[in-house]
Amino acid sequence: METVLVFKTSVTKRNQVRRLRPLLNRTLNGCGEWNFDLEDCDNILRVESHKLTAMAICSIIRMHGFHCEEL
């Protein structure tokens, strides 16, 4: 079953999303989808996956210098 995880992030620019794209794609490995809503005041990251936890996603985003917290 797919789980939808929603995060508040400090990612504010499209070039930052482009930097994270290969990492998120590799992490999901074809088993889910993700997107950023940079128009939202919380710069939302939405992840649909049946294999990743919120802690794993936050850890990955934080390792690359961005704030990330589950909502």
PDB file of N, CA and C in Angstrom:
ATOM      1  N   MET A   1       0.836  -1.180   0.000  1.00  0.00           N
ATOM      2  CA  MET A   1       0.000   0.000   0.000  1.00  0.00           C
ATOM      3  C   MET A   1       0.883   1.247   0.000  1.00  0.00           C
ATOM      4  N   GLU A   2       0.558   2.192  -0.855  1.00  0.00           N
ATOM      5  CA  GLU A   2       1.313   3.441  -0.936  1.00  0.00           C
ATOM      6  C   GLU A   2       1.045   4.306   0.292  1.00  0.00           C
ATOM      7  N   THR A   3       2.091   4.890   0.806  1.00  0.00           N
ATOM      8  CA  THR A   3       1.995   5.843   1.901  1.00  0.00           C
ATOM      9  C   THR A   3       2.344   7.211   1.349  1.00  0.00           C
ATOM     10  N   VAL A   4       1.582   8.220   1.738  1.00  0.00           N
ATOM     11  CA  VAL A   4       1.872   9.592   1.332  1.00  0.00           C
ATOM     12  C   VAL A   4       2.497  10.301   2.523  1.00  0.00           C
ATOM     13  N   LEU A   5       3.722  10.770   2.324  1.00  0.00           N
ATOM     14  CA  LEU A   5       4.456  11.498   3.352  1.00  0.00           C
ATOM     15  C   LEU A   5       4.575  12.951   2.914  1.00  0.00           C
ATOM     16  N   VAL A   6       4.351  13.876   3.831  1.00  0.00           N
ATOM     17  CA  VAL A   6       4.395  15.303   3.507  1.00  0.00           C
ATOM     18  C   VAL A   6       5.363  15.983   4.468  1.00  0.00           C
ATOM     19  N   PHE A   7       6.249  16.824   3.878  1.00  0.00           N
ATOM     20  CA  PHE A   7       7.307  17.457   4.652  1.00  0.00           C
ATOM     21  C   PHE A   7       7.367  18.950   4.380  1.00  0.00           C
ATOM     22  N   LYS A   8       7.699  19.691   5.420  1.00  0.00           N
ATOM     23  CA  LYS A   8       8.055  21.108   5.308  1.00  0.00           C
ATOM     24  C   LYS A   8       9.564  21.134   5.082  1.00  0.00           C
ATOM     25  N   THR A   9      10.026  21.909   4.084  1.00  0.00           N
ATOM     26  CA  THR A   9      11.452  21.934   3.773  1.00  0.00           C
ATOM     27  C   THR A   9      11.960  23.366   3.624  1.00  0.00           C
ATOM     28  N   SER A  10      13.274  23.484   3.521  1.00  0.00           N
ATOM     29  CA  SER A  10      13.901  24.779   3.237  1.00  0.00           C
ATOM     30  C   SER A  10      14.323  24.878   1.773  1.00  0.00           C
ATOM     31  N   VAL A  11      13.867  23.954   0.944  1.00  0.00           N
ATOM     32  CA  VAL A  11      14.155  23.996  -0.498  1.00  0.00           C
ATOM     33  C   VAL A  11      13.269  25.075  -1.101  1.00  0.00           C
ATOM     34  N   THR A  12      13.882  26.101  -1.694  1.00  0.00           N
ATOM     35  CA  THR A  12      13.109  27.242  -2.190  1.00  0.00           C
ATOM     36  C   THR A  12      13.283  27.508  -3.683  1.00  0.00           C
ATOM     37  N   LYS A  13      14.265  26.872  -4.300  1.00  0.00           N
ATOM     38  CA  LYS A  13      14.579  27.188  -5.696  1.00  0.00           C
ATOM     39  C   LYS A  13      14.565  25.932  -6.563  1.00  0.00           C
ATOM     40  N   ARG A  14      14.217  26.129  -7.830  1.00  0.00           N
ATOM     41  CA  ARG A  14      14.162  25.000  -8.765  1.00  0.00           C
ATOM     42  C   ARG A  14      15.527  24.335  -8.950  1.00  0.00           C
ATOM     43  N   ASN A  15      16.608  25.123  -8.889  1.00  0.00           N
ATOM     44  CA  ASN A  15      17.925  24.510  -9.047  1.00  0.00           C
ATOM     45  C   ASN A  15      18.251  23.609  -7.859  1.00  0.00           C
ATOM     46  N   GLN A  16      17.699  23.903  -6.689  1.00  0.00           N
ATOM     47  CA  GLN A  16      17.886  23.015  -5.536  1.00  0.00           C
ATOM     48  C   GLN A  16      17.121  21.705  -5.752  1.00  0.00           C
ATOM     49  N   VAL A  17      15.936  21.809  -6.321  1.00  0.00           N
ATOM     50  CA  VAL A  17      15.161  20.605  -6.641  1.00  0.00           C
ATOM     51  C   VAL A  17      15.929  19.770  -7.661  1.00  0.00           C
ATOM     52  N   ARG A  18      16.515  20.422  -8.664  1.00  0.00           N
ATOM     53  CA  ARG A  18      17.301  19.689  -9.677  1.00  0.00           C
ATOM     54  C   ARG A  18      18.488  18.968  -9.045  1.00  0.00           C
ATOM     55  N   ARG A  19      19.098  19.578  -8.037  1.00  0.00           N
ATOM     56  CA  ARG A  19      20.216  18.916  -7.335  1.00  0.00           C
ATOM     57  C   ARG A  19      19.742  17.690  -6.568  1.00  0.00           C
ATOM     58  N   LEU A  20      18.543  17.770  -6.000  1.00  0.00           N
ATOM     59  CA  LEU A  20      18.011  16.654  -5.213  1.00  0.00           C
ATOM     60  C   LEU A  20      17.358  15.564  -6.068  1.00  0.00           C
ATOM     61  N   ARG A  21      16.985  15.904  -7.298  1.00  0.00           N
ATOM     62  CA  ARG A  21      16.257  14.957  -8.159  1.00  0.00           C
ATOM     63  C   ARG A  21      16.945  13.597  -8.289  1.00  0.00           C
ATOM     64  N   PRO A  22      18.238  13.540  -8.671  1.00  0.00           N
ATOM     65  CA  PRO A  22      18.862  12.213  -8.823  1.00  0.00           C
ATOM     66  C   PRO A  22      18.872  11.423  -7.517  1.00  0.00           C
ATOM     67  N   LEU A  23      19.095  12.120  -6.424  1.00  0.00           N
ATOM     68  CA  LEU A  23      19.130  11.470  -5.114  1.00  0.00           C
ATOM     69  C   LEU A  23      17.768  10.873  -4.764  1.00  0.00           C
ATOM     70  N   LEU A  24      16.704  11.656  -4.918  1.00  0.00           N
ATOM     71  CA  LEU A  24      15.364  11.167  -4.595  1.00  0.00           C
ATOM     72  C   LEU A  24      14.941  10.044  -5.546  1.00  0.00           C
ATOM     73  N   ASN A  25      15.262  10.194  -6.824  1.00  0.00           N
ATOM     74  CA  ASN A  25      14.927   9.130  -7.780  1.00  0.00           C
ATOM     75  C   ASN A  25      15.651   7.836  -7.433  1.00  0.00           C
ATOM     76  N   ARG A  26      16.920   7.942  -7.100  1.00  0.00           N
ATOM     77  CA  ARG A  26      17.712   6.762  -6.736  1.00  0.00           C
ATOM     78  C   ARG A  26      17.191   6.132  -5.440  1.00  0.00           C
ATOM     79  N   THR A  27      16.817   6.973  -4.494  1.00  0.00           N
ATOM     80  CA  THR A  27      16.303   6.484  -3.214  1.00  0.00           C
ATOM     81  C   THR A  27      14.983   5.736  -3.400  1.00  0.00           C
ATOM     82  N   LEU A  28      14.098   6.286  -4.220  1.00  0.00           N
ATOM     83  CA  LEU A  28      12.811   5.632  -4.460  1.00  0.00           C
ATOM     84  C   LEU A  28      12.955   4.425  -5.388  1.00  0.00           C
ATOM     85  N   ASN A  29      13.979   4.455  -6.241  1.00  0.00           N
ATOM     86  CA  ASN A  29      14.292   3.317  -7.107  1.00  0.00           C
ATOM     87  C   ASN A  29      13.068   2.792  -7.863  1.00  0.00           C
ATOM     88  N   GLY A  30      12.272   3.701  -8.418  1.00  0.00           N
ATOM     89  CA  GLY A  30      11.109   3.303  -9.199  1.00  0.00           C
ATOM     90  C   GLY A  30       9.923   2.823  -8.383  1.00  0.00           C
ATOM     91  N   CYS A  31      10.006   2.912  -7.076  1.00  0.00           N
ATOM     92  CA  CYS A  31       8.936   2.413  -6.200  1.00  0.00           C
ATOM     93  C   CYS A  31       8.201   3.555  -5.523  1.00  0.00           C
ATOM     94  N   GLY A  32       7.888   4.584  -6.269  1.00  0.00           N
ATOM     95  CA  GLY A  32       7.159   5.708  -5.697  1.00  0.00           C
ATOM     96  C   GLY A  32       7.370   6.966  -6.512  1.00  0.00           C
ATOM     97  N   GLU A  33       6.755   8.039  -6.048  1.00  0.00           N
ATOM     98  CA  GLU A  33       6.858   9.335  -6.719  1.00  0.00           C
ATOM     99  C   GLU A  33       7.082  10.422  -5.674  1.00  0.00           C
ATOM    100  N   TRP A  34       7.602  11.555  -6.126  1.00  0.00           N
ATOM    101  CA  TRP A  34       7.824  12.684  -5.229  1.00  0.00           C
ATOM    102  C   TRP A  34       7.647  13.970  -6.009  1.00  0.00           C
ATOM    103  N   ASN A  35       7.349  15.058  -5.305  1.00  0.00           N
ATOM    104  CA  ASN A  35       7.316  16.388  -5.917  1.00  0.00           C
ATOM    105  C   ASN A  35       7.423  17.455  -4.841  1.00  0.00           C
ATOM    106  N   PHE A  36       7.924  18.594  -5.248  1.00  0.00           N
ATOM    107  CA  PHE A  36       8.009  19.770  -4.384  1.00  0.00           C
ATOM    108  C   PHE A  36       6.942  20.765  -4.809  1.00  0.00           C
ATOM    109  N   ASP A  37       6.349  21.449  -3.851  1.00  0.00           N
ATOM    110  CA  ASP A  37       5.457  22.570  -4.112  1.00  0.00           C
ATOM    111  C   ASP A  37       6.143  23.812  -3.557  1.00  0.00           C
ATOM    112  N   LEU A  38       6.904  24.483  -4.422  1.00  0.00           N
ATOM    113  CA  LEU A  38       7.657  25.657  -3.997  1.00  0.00           C
ATOM    114  C   LEU A  38       6.771  26.898  -3.884  1.00  0.00           C
ATOM    115  N   GLU A  39       5.533  26.804  -4.358  1.00  0.00           N
ATOM    116  CA  GLU A  39       4.586  27.910  -4.222  1.00  0.00           C
ATOM    117  C   GLU A  39       4.000  27.952  -2.811  1.00  0.00           C
ATOM    118  N   ASP A  40       4.024  26.842  -2.113  1.00  0.00           N
ATOM    119  CA  ASP A  40       3.507  26.760  -0.752  1.00  0.00           C
ATOM    120  C   ASP A  40       4.496  27.435   0.199  1.00  0.00           C
ATOM    121  N   CYS A  41       3.986  28.084   1.232  1.00  0.00           N
ATOM    122  CA  CYS A  41       4.865  28.805   2.170  1.00  0.00           C
ATOM    123  C   CYS A  41       5.797  27.852   2.924  1.00  0.00           C
ATOM    124  N   ASP A  42       5.458  26.567   2.999  1.00  0.00           N
ATOM    125  CA  ASP A  42       6.298  25.577   3.681  1.00  0.00           C
ATOM    126  C   ASP A  42       7.183  24.782   2.724  1.00  0.00           C
ATOM    127  N   ASN A  43       7.200  25.170   1.441  1.00  0.00           N
ATOM    128  CA  ASN A  43       8.028  24.476   0.440  1.00  0.00           C
ATOM    129  C   ASN A  43       7.882  22.959   0.580  1.00  0.00           C
ATOM    130  N   ILE A  44       6.673  22.511   0.365  1.00  0.00           N
ATOM    131  CA  ILE A  44       6.268  21.133   0.632  1.00  0.00           C
ATOM    132  C   ILE A  44       6.961  20.125  -0.282  1.00  0.00           C
ATOM    133  N   LEU A  45       7.445  19.058   0.335  1.00  0.00           N
ATOM    134  CA  LEU A  45       7.895  17.870  -0.380  1.00  0.00           C
ATOM    135  C   LEU A  45       6.864  16.792  -0.091  1.00  0.00           C
ATOM    136  N   ARG A  46       6.304  16.213  -1.150  1.00  0.00           N
ATOM    137  CA  ARG A  46       5.313  15.143  -1.019  1.00  0.00           C
ATOM    138  C   ARG A  46       5.919  13.883  -1.627  1.00  0.00           C
ATOM    139  N   VAL A  47       5.929  12.808  -0.870  1.00  0.00           N
ATOM    140  CA  VAL A  47       6.510  11.545  -1.317  1.00  0.00           C
ATOM    141  C   VAL A  47       5.460  10.445  -1.196  1.00  0.00           C
ATOM    142  N   GLU A  48       5.252   9.713  -2.290  1.00  0.00           N
ATOM    143  CA  GLU A  48       4.384   8.536  -2.281  1.00  0.00           C
ATOM    144  C   GLU A  48       5.289   7.324  -2.420  1.00  0.00           C
ATOM    145  N   SER A  49       5.252   6.450  -1.431  1.00  0.00           N
ATOM    146  CA  SER A  49       6.111   5.272  -1.444  1.00  0.00           C
ATOM    147  C   SER A  49       5.557   4.227  -0.505  1.00  0.00           C
ATOM    148  N   HIS A  50       5.847   2.981  -0.797  1.00  0.00           N
ATOM    149  CA  HIS A  50       5.449   1.925   0.133  1.00  0.00           C
ATOM    150  C   HIS A  50       6.650   1.353   0.875  1.00  0.00           C
ATOM    151  N   LYS A  51       7.828   1.918   0.610  1.00  0.00           N
ATOM    152  CA  LYS A  51       9.007   1.348   1.254  1.00  0.00           C
ATOM    153  C   LYS A  51       9.813   2.314   2.122  1.00  0.00           C
ATOM    154  N   LEU A  52       9.607   3.628   1.978  1.00  0.00           N
ATOM    155  CA  LEU A  52      10.420   4.588   2.728  1.00  0.00           C
ATOM    156  C   LEU A  52       9.680   5.155   3.925  1.00  0.00           C
ATOM    157  N   THR A  53      10.437   5.447   4.969  1.00  0.00           N
ATOM    158  CA  THR A  53       9.867   6.073   6.159  1.00  0.00           C
ATOM    159  C   THR A  53      10.128   7.577   6.127  1.00  0.00           C
ATOM    160  N   ALA A  54       9.371   8.306   6.933  1.00  0.00           N
ATOM    161  CA  ALA A  54       9.567   9.756   7.044  1.00  0.00           C
ATOM    162  C   ALA A  54      10.972  10.055   7.551  1.00  0.00           C
ATOM    163  N   MET A  55      11.455   9.264   8.491  1.00  0.00           N
ATOM    164  CA  MET A  55      12.790   9.478   9.046  1.00  0.00           C
ATOM    165  C   MET A  55      13.861   9.327   7.955  1.00  0.00           C
ATOM    166  N   ALA A  56      13.692   8.353   7.086  1.00  0.00           N
ATOM    167  CA  ALA A  56      14.670   8.135   6.009  1.00  0.00           C
ATOM    168  C   ALA A  56      14.689   9.316   5.045  1.00  0.00           C
ATOM    169  N   ILE A  57      13.524   9.816   4.672  1.00  0.00           N
ATOM    170  CA  ILE A  57      13.447  10.955   3.755  1.00  0.00           C
ATOM    171  C   ILE A  57      14.077  12.188   4.399  1.00  0.00           C
ATOM    172  N   CYS A  58      13.711  12.484   5.636  1.00  0.00           N
ATOM    173  CA  CYS A  58      14.284  13.649   6.323  1.00  0.00           C
ATOM    174  C   CYS A  58      15.797  13.543   6.415  1.00  0.00           C
ATOM    175  N   SER A  59      16.288  12.379   6.729  1.00  0.00           N
ATOM    176  CA  SER A  59      17.729  12.175   6.842  1.00  0.00           C
ATOM    177  C   SER A  59      18.435  12.474   5.523  1.00  0.00           C
ATOM    178  N   ILE A  60      17.882  11.996   4.437  1.00  0.00           N
ATOM    179  CA  ILE A  60      18.474  12.206   3.108  1.00  0.00           C
ATOM    180  C   ILE A  60      18.499  13.694   2.760  1.00  0.00           C
ATOM    181  N   ILE A  61      17.391  14.385   2.982  1.00  0.00           N
ATOM    182  CA  ILE A  61      17.308  15.814   2.660  1.00  0.00           C
ATOM    183  C   ILE A  61      18.261  16.616   3.553  1.00  0.00           C
ATOM    184  N   ARG A  62      18.309  16.284   4.820  1.00  0.00           N
ATOM    185  CA  ARG A  62      19.196  16.995   5.760  1.00  0.00           C
ATOM    186  C   ARG A  62      20.666  16.771   5.431  1.00  0.00           C
ATOM    187  N   MET A  63      21.020  15.576   4.982  1.00  0.00           N
ATOM    188  CA  MET A  63      22.419  15.289   4.614  1.00  0.00           C
ATOM    189  C   MET A  63      22.900  16.208   3.500  1.00  0.00           C
ATOM    190  N   HIS A  64      21.969  16.760   2.739  1.00  0.00           N
ATOM    191  CA  HIS A  64      22.328  17.656   1.647  1.00  0.00           C
ATOM    192  C   HIS A  64      22.117  19.127   2.006  1.00  0.00           C
ATOM    193  N   GLY A  65      22.004  19.401   3.305  1.00  0.00           N
ATOM    194  CA  GLY A  65      22.036  20.775   3.785  1.00  0.00           C
ATOM    195  C   GLY A  65      20.705  21.496   3.874  1.00  0.00           C
ATOM    196  N   PHE A  66      19.611  20.764   3.769  1.00  0.00           N
ATOM    197  CA  PHE A  66      18.304  21.399   3.827  1.00  0.00           C
ATOM    198  C   PHE A  66      17.553  20.972   5.084  1.00  0.00           C
ATOM    199  N   HIS A  67      16.696  21.866   5.561  1.00  0.00           N
ATOM    200  CA  HIS A  67      15.796  21.544   6.666  1.00  0.00           C
ATOM    201  C   HIS A  67      14.672  20.680   6.116  1.00  0.00           C
ATOM    202  N   CYS A  68      14.218  19.695   6.878  1.00  0.00           N
ATOM    203  CA  CYS A  68      13.116  18.845   6.469  1.00  0.00           C
ATOM    204  C   CYS A  68      12.442  18.312   7.717  1.00  0.00           C
ATOM    205  N   GLU A  69      11.123  18.525   7.801  1.00  0.00           N
ATOM    206  CA  GLU A  69      10.378  17.968   8.934  1.00  0.00           C
ATOM    207  C   GLU A  69       9.027  17.478   8.431  1.00  0.00           C
ATOM    208  N   GLU A  70       8.613  16.340   8.964  1.00  0.00           N
ATOM    209  CA  GLU A  70       7.335  15.758   8.559  1.00  0.00           C
ATOM    210  C   GLU A  70       6.184  16.601   9.111  1.00  0.00           C
ATOM    211  N   LEU A  71       5.164  16.759   8.292  1.00  0.00           N
ATOM    212  CA  LEU A  71       3.951  17.468   8.728  1.00  0.00           C
ATOM    213  C   LEU A  71       2.866  16.465   9.049  1.00  0.00           C
TER     214      LEU A  71
END
